[in-house]
Amino acid sequence: MTIQELSVNATLGEVQSIPELQEVAPYLLSWGTDGAMFYTAGGGERSKYLPGWPIRDMSGVGWNPESVLDGIRYLYETAKKGNYFHKLYSGEECQKDPLKAVANITLFRSTQKTKKPCVIILPGGTYANVCSLTEGYPVAKAFNQLGYNAVILNYRRSEERRVGKEC
């Protein structure tokens, strides 16, 4: 799949196969501890494994497929410029604490003439996922168009240590 062929009929697995997105592909949505990309719905059950999930079907969970597609295209344009994706921990630190392996930032530089401060975007994901694909890349594009540089933080999360579990 190439970015030119990308449409709402593409699956997330096809998006992940785009060569320019290889560095960030594992973080489009969260990866489960078993290596499968998933989202959770209602009660935290794994309800769908995603590589075969078409973008058009994201509307079923309240996401806008056109916005997701626009965000993916914007991510692609950013990736082509290089120096946009940065891991926050060294390989040694990630070996000691595997949850650190998912922590990274994706930098989107504004091309507007009037520069404004940087914004940090922390996409949501129901305490189990980090949904940069839906709540990060489209938002970064909107901030860039307003003149802001944007950083998306893919943060550590753990199914075992969810906020509110003790409540």
Foldseek 3Di string as FASTA:
>chain_A
DELVPDDLQAFLLVLCPHVLCVVCSCAQKDADPVRFGAAADDPRDGDDGGRRHGLNCVVVVPFDSVLLSVLSVLLSVLSVVPPFKAQPDDPVVCVVPVLSRQWIKGKAAAPDPDADEEEEFFADGQLDMGNCSGRNSSVQVVVSVVRHIYMYTRHGGDPVDGPPPVD
